[in-house]
Amino acid sequence: MSDKWKTWWKAAGIRAIKTVAQSAIAAIGASAILSEVNWPVVVSAAVLAGVLSLLTSVAGLPEVEE
């Protein structure tokens, strides 16, 4: 694997992890109390956000030179 692809995967992965965390925080924050958190919905939304982040990164990442 070339250095360019390694750099791309690293940058895209970091973005995806941040997006997953942000989505999980938003989904958890939507509940009034912790016991009301619908964990399957939180995980599902967070994973979907991560996948969408990776797909969006295909369009280009400013961290990775063309």
PDB file of N, CA and C in Angstrom:
ATOM      1  N   MET A   1       0.848  -1.168   0.000  1.00  0.00           N
ATOM      2  CA  MET A   1       0.000   0.000   0.000  1.00  0.00           C
ATOM      3  C   MET A   1       0.901   1.241   0.000  1.00  0.00           C
ATOM      4  N   SER A   2       0.574   2.179  -0.845  1.00  0.00           N
ATOM      5  CA  SER A   2       1.409   3.375  -0.959  1.00  0.00           C
ATOM      6  C   SER A   2       1.208   4.289   0.250  1.00  0.00           C
ATOM      7  N   ASP A   3       2.165   5.193   0.417  1.00  0.00           N
ATOM      8  CA  ASP A   3       2.086   6.143   1.532  1.00  0.00           C
ATOM      9  C   ASP A   3       0.859   7.035   1.406  1.00  0.00           C
ATOM     10  N   LYS A   4       0.479   7.367   0.155  1.00  0.00           N
ATOM     11  CA  LYS A   4      -0.689   8.216  -0.050  1.00  0.00           C
ATOM     12  C   LYS A   4      -1.947   7.536   0.492  1.00  0.00           C
ATOM     13  N   TRP A   5      -2.099   6.242   0.217  1.00  0.00           N
ATOM     14  CA  TRP A   5      -3.270   5.518   0.700  1.00  0.00           C
ATOM     15  C   TRP A   5      -3.244   5.362   2.209  1.00  0.00           C
ATOM     16  N   LYS A   6      -2.067   5.134   2.772  1.00  0.00           N
ATOM     17  CA  LYS A   6      -1.954   5.036   4.228  1.00  0.00           C
ATOM     18  C   LYS A   6      -2.375   6.348   4.876  1.00  0.00           C
ATOM     19  N   THR A   7      -1.919   7.444   4.292  1.00  0.00           N
ATOM     20  CA  THR A   7      -2.276   8.771   4.806  1.00  0.00           C
ATOM     21  C   THR A   7      -3.776   8.999   4.686  1.00  0.00           C
ATOM     22  N   TRP A   8      -4.349   8.604   3.541  1.00  0.00           N
ATOM     23  CA  TRP A   8      -5.782   8.788   3.323  1.00  0.00           C
ATOM     24  C   TRP A   8      -6.578   7.993   4.342  1.00  0.00           C
ATOM     25  N   TRP A   9      -6.242   6.712   4.520  1.00  0.00           N
ATOM     26  CA  TRP A   9      -6.971   5.870   5.471  1.00  0.00           C
ATOM     27  C   TRP A   9      -6.853   6.406   6.892  1.00  0.00           C
ATOM     28  N   LYS A  10      -5.681   6.894   7.235  1.00  0.00           N
ATOM     29  CA  LYS A  10      -5.492   7.445   8.582  1.00  0.00           C
ATOM     30  C   LYS A  10      -6.368   8.681   8.777  1.00  0.00           C
ATOM     31  N   ALA A  11      -6.336   9.609   7.817  1.00  0.00           N
ATOM     32  CA  ALA A  11      -7.132  10.838   7.919  1.00  0.00           C
ATOM     33  C   ALA A  11      -8.624  10.524   7.895  1.00  0.00           C
ATOM     34  N   ALA A  12      -9.041   9.638   6.996  1.00  0.00           N
ATOM     35  CA  ALA A  12     -10.460   9.279   6.910  1.00  0.00           C
ATOM     36  C   ALA A  12     -10.903   8.552   8.179  1.00  0.00           C
ATOM     37  N   GLY A  13     -10.050   7.698   8.715  1.00  0.00           N
ATOM     38  CA  GLY A  13     -10.382   6.980   9.943  1.00  0.00           C
ATOM     39  C   GLY A  13     -10.539   7.904  11.132  1.00  0.00           C
ATOM     40  N   ILE A  14      -9.648   8.866  11.244  1.00  0.00           N
ATOM     41  CA  ILE A  14      -9.744   9.840  12.343  1.00  0.00           C
ATOM     42  C   ILE A  14     -11.038  10.632  12.234  1.00  0.00           C
ATOM     43  N   ARG A  15     -11.366  11.064  11.014  1.00  0.00           N
ATOM     44  CA  ARG A  15     -12.621  11.805  10.814  1.00  0.00           C
ATOM     45  C   ARG A  15     -13.822  10.945  11.173  1.00  0.00           C
ATOM     46  N   ALA A  16     -13.791   9.680  10.755  1.00  0.00           N
ATOM     47  CA  ALA A  16     -14.918   8.781  11.020  1.00  0.00           C
ATOM     48  C   ALA A  16     -15.081   8.536  12.515  1.00  0.00           C
ATOM     49  N   ILE A  17     -13.980   8.335  13.228  1.00  0.00           N
ATOM     50  CA  ILE A  17     -14.048   8.110  14.676  1.00  0.00           C
ATOM     51  C   ILE A  17     -14.625   9.334  15.384  1.00  0.00           C
ATOM     52  N   LYS A  18     -14.198  10.512  14.973  1.00  0.00           N
ATOM     53  CA  LYS A  18     -14.735  11.741  15.571  1.00  0.00           C
ATOM     54  C   LYS A  18     -16.231  11.862  15.288  1.00  0.00           C
ATOM     55  N   THR A  19     -16.634  11.526  14.065  1.00  0.00           N
ATOM     56  CA  THR A  19     -18.040  11.598  13.696  1.00  0.00           C
ATOM     57  C   THR A  19     -18.870  10.602  14.501  1.00  0.00           C
ATOM     58  N   VAL A  20     -18.342   9.386  14.683  1.00  0.00           N
ATOM     59  CA  VAL A  20     -19.037   8.376  15.487  1.00  0.00           C
ATOM     60  C   VAL A  20     -19.235   8.891  16.914  1.00  0.00           C
ATOM     61  N   ALA A  21     -18.189   9.453  17.492  1.00  0.00           N
ATOM     62  CA  ALA A  21     -18.285   9.974  18.864  1.00  0.00           C
ATOM     63  C   ALA A  21     -19.291  11.112  18.964  1.00  0.00           C
ATOM     64  N   GLN A  22     -19.257  12.026  18.004  1.00  0.00           N
ATOM     65  CA  GLN A  22     -20.190  13.150  18.022  1.00  0.00           C
ATOM     66  C   GLN A  22     -21.627  12.680  17.885  1.00  0.00           C
ATOM     67  N   SER A  23     -21.856  11.706  17.022  1.00  0.00           N
ATOM     68  CA  SER A  23     -23.211  11.176  16.831  1.00  0.00           C
ATOM     69  C   SER A  23     -23.706  10.470  18.082  1.00  0.00           C
ATOM     70  N   ALA A  24     -22.831   9.705  18.713  1.00  0.00           N
ATOM     71  CA  ALA A  24     -23.215   9.014  19.945  1.00  0.00           C
ATOM     72  C   ALA A  24     -23.551  10.013  21.044  1.00  0.00           C
ATOM     73  N   ILE A  25     -22.750  11.039  21.163  1.00  0.00           N
ATOM     74  CA  ILE A  25     -23.002  12.072  22.179  1.00  0.00           C
ATOM     75  C   ILE A  25     -24.343  12.750  21.928  1.00  0.00           C
ATOM     76  N   ALA A  26     -24.633  13.056  20.659  1.00  0.00           N
ATOM     77  CA  ALA A  26     -25.908  13.696  20.330  1.00  0.00           C
ATOM     78  C   ALA A  26     -27.083  12.777  20.631  1.00  0.00           C
ATOM     79  N   ALA A  27     -26.959  11.503  20.297  1.00  0.00           N
ATOM     80  CA  ALA A  27     -28.049  10.557  20.550  1.00  0.00           C
ATOM     81  C   ALA A  27     -28.262  10.339  22.049  1.00  0.00           C
ATOM     82  N   ILE A  28     -27.173  10.261  22.797  1.00  0.00           N
ATOM     83  CA  ILE A  28     -27.286  10.092  24.251  1.00  0.00           C
ATOM     84  C   ILE A  28     -27.876  11.361  24.869  1.00  0.00           C
ATOM     85  N   GLY A  29     -27.456  12.494  24.374  1.00  0.00           N
ATOM     86  CA  GLY A  29     -27.939  13.768  24.909  1.00  0.00           C
ATOM     87  C   GLY A  29     -29.413  14.016  24.662  1.00  0.00           C
ATOM     88  N   ALA A  30     -29.993  13.293  23.710  1.00  0.00           N
ATOM     89  CA  ALA A  30     -31.415  13.463  23.416  1.00  0.00           C
ATOM     90  C   ALA A  30     -32.295  12.858  24.501  1.00  0.00           C
ATOM     91  N   SER A  31     -31.741  12.028  25.374  1.00  0.00           N
ATOM     92  CA  SER A  31     -32.507  11.419  26.465  1.00  0.00           C
ATOM     93  C   SER A  31     -32.432  12.298  27.705  1.00  0.00           C
ATOM     94  N   ALA A  32     -33.517  12.296  28.452  1.00  0.00           N
ATOM     95  CA  ALA A  32     -33.565  13.120  29.661  1.00  0.00           C
ATOM     96  C   ALA A  32     -32.659  12.563  30.752  1.00  0.00           C
ATOM     97  N   ILE A  33     -32.658  11.235  30.915  1.00  0.00           N
ATOM     98  CA  ILE A  33     -31.799  10.615  31.919  1.00  0.00           C
ATOM     99  C   ILE A  33     -31.112   9.401  31.297  1.00  0.00           C
ATOM    100  N   LEU A  34     -29.982   8.996  31.862  1.00  0.00           N
ATOM    101  CA  LEU A  34     -29.159   7.933  31.295  1.00  0.00           C
ATOM    102  C   LEU A  34     -29.914   6.615  31.159  1.00  0.00           C
ATOM    103  N   SER A  35     -30.811   6.314  32.070  1.00  0.00           N
ATOM    104  CA  SER A  35     -31.543   5.043  32.002  1.00  0.00           C
ATOM    105  C   SER A  35     -32.534   5.008  30.843  1.00  0.00           C
ATOM    106  N   GLU A  36     -32.837   6.163  30.259  1.00  0.00           N
ATOM    107  CA  GLU A  36     -33.760   6.214  29.131  1.00  0.00           C
ATOM    108  C   GLU A  36     -33.054   6.116  27.780  1.00  0.00           C
ATOM    109  N   VAL A  37     -31.743   6.025  27.784  1.00  0.00           N
ATOM    110  CA  VAL A  37     -30.994   5.966  26.534  1.00  0.00           C
ATOM    111  C   VAL A  37     -31.308   4.656  25.820  1.00  0.00           C
ATOM    112  N   ASN A  38     -31.689   4.751  24.560  1.00  0.00           N
ATOM    113  CA  ASN A  38     -31.945   3.576  23.732  1.00  0.00           C
ATOM    114  C   ASN A  38     -30.619   3.200  23.070  1.00  0.00           C
ATOM    115  N   TRP A  39     -29.847   2.309  23.717  1.00  0.00           N
ATOM    116  CA  TRP A  39     -28.494   2.003  23.283  1.00  0.00           C
ATOM    117  C   TRP A  39     -28.417   1.422  21.870  1.00  0.00           C
ATOM    118  N   PRO A  40     -29.338   0.552  21.463  1.00  0.00           N
ATOM    119  CA  PRO A  40     -29.266   0.076  20.072  1.00  0.00           C
ATOM    120  C   PRO A  40     -29.400   1.217  19.052  1.00  0.00           C
ATOM    121  N   VAL A  41     -30.229   2.199  19.364  1.00  0.00           N
ATOM    122  CA  VAL A  41     -30.380   3.345  18.465  1.00  0.00           C
ATOM    123  C   VAL A  41     -29.103   4.184  18.457  1.00  0.00           C
ATOM    124  N   VAL A  42     -28.497   4.374  19.614  1.00  0.00           N
ATOM    125  CA  VAL A  42     -27.249   5.139  19.705  1.00  0.00           C
ATOM    126  C   VAL A  42     -26.162   4.472  18.880  1.00  0.00           C
ATOM    127  N   VAL A  43     -25.987   3.168  19.049  1.00  0.00           N
ATOM    128  CA  VAL A  43     -24.946   2.440  18.316  1.00  0.00           C
ATOM    129  C   VAL A  43     -25.230   2.464  16.818  1.00  0.00           C
ATOM    130  N   SER A  44     -26.479   2.229  16.445  1.00  0.00           N
ATOM    131  CA  SER A  44     -26.853   2.221  15.033  1.00  0.00           C
ATOM    132  C   SER A  44     -26.591   3.578  14.377  1.00  0.00           C
ATOM    133  N   ALA A  45     -27.000   4.638  15.037  1.00  0.00           N
ATOM    134  CA  ALA A  45     -26.799   5.983  14.482  1.00  0.00           C
ATOM    135  C   ALA A  45     -25.316   6.315  14.391  1.00  0.00           C
ATOM    136  N   ALA A  46     -24.553   5.937  15.392  1.00  0.00           N
ATOM    137  CA  ALA A  46     -23.122   6.235  15.406  1.00  0.00           C
ATOM    138  C   ALA A  46     -22.388   5.469  14.307  1.00  0.00           C
ATOM    139  N   VAL A  47     -22.713   4.187  14.132  1.00  0.00           N
ATOM    140  CA  VAL A  47     -22.066   3.393  13.087  1.00  0.00           C
ATOM    141  C   VAL A  47     -22.434   3.929  11.706  1.00  0.00           C
ATOM    142  N   LEU A  48     -23.702   4.250  11.507  1.00  0.00           N
ATOM    143  CA  LEU A  48     -24.123   4.813  10.221  1.00  0.00           C
ATOM    144  C   LEU A  48     -23.393   6.120   9.939  1.00  0.00           C
ATOM    145  N   ALA A  49     -23.244   6.959  10.942  1.00  0.00           N
ATOM    146  CA  ALA A  49     -22.519   8.221  10.768  1.00  0.00           C
ATOM    147  C   ALA A  49     -21.064   7.963  10.382  1.00  0.00           C
ATOM    148  N   GLY A  50     -20.447   6.947  10.982  1.00  0.00           N
ATOM    149  CA  GLY A  50     -19.069   6.606  10.639  1.00  0.00           C
ATOM    150  C   GLY A  50     -18.934   6.142   9.203  1.00  0.00           C
ATOM    151  N   VAL A  51     -19.858   5.303   8.757  1.00  0.00           N
ATOM    152  CA  VAL A  51     -19.844   4.829   7.364  1.00  0.00           C
ATOM    153  C   VAL A  51     -20.044   6.001   6.408  1.00  0.00           C
ATOM    154  N   LEU A  52     -20.989   6.858   6.717  1.00  0.00           N
ATOM    155  CA  LEU A  52     -21.221   8.031   5.861  1.00  0.00           C
ATOM    156  C   LEU A  52     -20.009   8.949   5.837  1.00  0.00           C
ATOM    157  N   SER A  53     -19.323   9.073   6.948  1.00  0.00           N
ATOM    158  CA  SER A  53     -18.109   9.881   6.991  1.00  0.00           C
ATOM    159  C   SER A  53     -17.044   9.323   6.055  1.00  0.00           C
ATOM    160  N   LEU A  54     -16.847   8.003   6.093  1.00  0.00           N
ATOM    161  CA  LEU A  54     -15.866   7.379   5.192  1.00  0.00           C
ATOM    162  C   LEU A  54     -16.255   7.578   3.729  1.00  0.00           C
ATOM    163  N   LEU A  55     -17.535   7.407   3.428  1.00  0.00           N
ATOM    164  CA  LEU A  55     -17.983   7.603   2.045  1.00  0.00           C
ATOM    165  C   LEU A  55     -17.807   9.053   1.593  1.00  0.00           C
ATOM    166  N   THR A  56     -18.064   9.987   2.494  1.00  0.00           N
ATOM    167  CA  THR A  56     -17.863  11.402   2.171  1.00  0.00           C
ATOM    168  C   THR A  56     -16.387  11.703   1.944  1.00  0.00           C
ATOM    169  N   SER A  57     -15.524  11.011   2.661  1.00  0.00           N
ATOM    170  CA  SER A  57     -14.083  11.232   2.515  1.00  0.00           C
ATOM    171  C   SER A  57     -13.574  10.820   1.137  1.00  0.00           C
ATOM    172  N   VAL A  58     -14.307   9.951   0.459  1.00  0.00           N
ATOM    173  CA  VAL A  58     -13.909   9.543  -0.892  1.00  0.00           C
ATOM    174  C   VAL A  58     -13.866  10.766  -1.823  1.00  0.00           C
ATOM    175  N   ALA A  59     -14.722  11.738  -1.562  1.00  0.00           N
ATOM    176  CA  ALA A  59     -14.758  12.952  -2.381  1.00  0.00           C
ATOM    177  C   ALA A  59     -13.510  13.799  -2.212  1.00  0.00           C
ATOM    178  N   GLY A  60     -12.774  13.558  -1.148  1.00  0.00           N
ATOM    179  CA  GLY A  60     -11.538  14.301  -0.933  1.00  0.00           C
ATOM    180  C   GLY A  60     -11.366  14.733   0.508  1.00  0.00           C
ATOM    181  N   LEU A  61     -10.125  14.765   0.899  1.00  0.00           N
ATOM    182  CA  LEU A  61      -9.783  15.211   2.248  1.00  0.00           C
ATOM    183  C   LEU A  61      -8.733  16.311   2.148  1.00  0.00           C
ATOM    184  N   PRO A  62      -8.964  17.435   2.790  1.00  0.00           N
ATOM    185  CA  PRO A  62      -7.971  18.517   2.722  1.00  0.00           C
ATOM    186  C   PRO A  62      -6.640  18.141   3.356  1.00  0.00           C
ATOM    187  N   GLU A  63      -6.659  17.157   4.268  1.00  0.00           N
ATOM    188  CA  GLU A  63      -5.425  16.741   4.923  1.00  0.00           C
ATOM    189  C   GLU A  63      -4.506  15.948   3.978  1.00  0.00           C
ATOM    190  N   VAL A  64      -5.090  15.404   2.919  1.00  0.00           N
ATOM    191  CA  VAL A  64      -4.334  14.577   1.994  1.00  0.00           C
ATOM    192  C   VAL A  64      -4.156  15.326   0.688  1.00  0.00           C
ATOM    193  N   GLU A  65      -2.907  15.548   0.323  1.00  0.00           N
ATOM    194  CA  GLU A  65      -2.634  16.281  -0.920  1.00  0.00           C
ATOM    195  C   GLU A  65      -3.065  15.451  -2.110  1.00  0.00           C
ATOM    196  N   GLU A  66      -3.543  16.115  -3.122  1.00  0.00           N
ATOM    197  CA  GLU A  66      -3.951  15.425  -4.363  1.00  0.00           C
ATOM    198  C   GLU A  66      -2.768  14.891  -5.104  1.00  0.00           C
TER     199      GLU A  66
END
